[in-house]
Amino acid sequence: MSHLSRILAIQLKNRPIPIVFSRFLALEKYQYFFRVSVIMLIEHKSTPLQWGSLDLALFGLEKDWYGNELDTPAAFGMAIDHGSFWFVATRRKPANIHPQARPGEFTPELWKLDVAEFFLSHPESGRYLEFNLAPNGAWWSAEFTAPRVRANEEDVEMPGVKTFSDLAPDGTWVAAASIPLDILKARFDFGAETRMNVTFIVDSPNQKFLTAAAAPDGEPDFHRPDVFKQVKIHEGGLTFHNPQ
């Protein structure tokens, strides 16, 4: 990797936390918000998004499943453009990545080590997608007809997925996935009624489990469509003064 060129500040309880990215990410415009998320906000962009010049807000997760504060928060952002759904995840701490994970490759069992995930459900049938994104850009996905009931026993690679990643010398990582919108619409009726959650597994092997939706009682379990939150598709960009 080349030299770092951008330091971004996350606002957390009125104190900035620097997040460092290399020039390959080159976020031209950005806002960060740390808050308990009751909705899944997706920015709707009028121009195509591109890795290397992303214009995207990121939302931070500062507590684990049990409400314990993290020493290093994680952050995520979501957006759609004319043809793709974008999911971006980052953390300013070295990640422990699955040994078989290779950038851009479909890789099962990423959840056994550090990974970012999103879950997306059909508004009527309850069918849902689990998508895993490793810090180095390896990815995996599966469709479920009910909690933990696979639609297909065999892994089936979703067509058209593209992933990207960048790693800084201090271990800061950022990864992104671009998924064809027409597939999400055809399989899950993706739109304003969609329900989602974003989750992380970090600090492996002493794993911590993070969830953007409110964590229910009990042990960590991300396969809880009943806690997925309805998305809000926001036209254009965001500001610190209007994070809704």
Foldseek 3Di string as FASTA:
>chain_A
DDDWDDWDWAQDPNDTDTATDRQQQQAPAEHEEEDQDQAAEEEEEADDADRRHGPWYKYWFQAFLVRHGDPWIKIWTWYDYPWWIKIKIKTQAAWDFDPPFDAFAADPPRVQTKWKWKKKAALPQRKIKIKIATLRHHIAMFIASAQVHGPDPDGDDQPPKGKHKGADPSRIIMMMIIHTPVVCCVPRVDDQSMFMKIKIWGDPPVTTITISFRRDDDDDDPSDSVRTHGYDYHYDDDDPVDPD
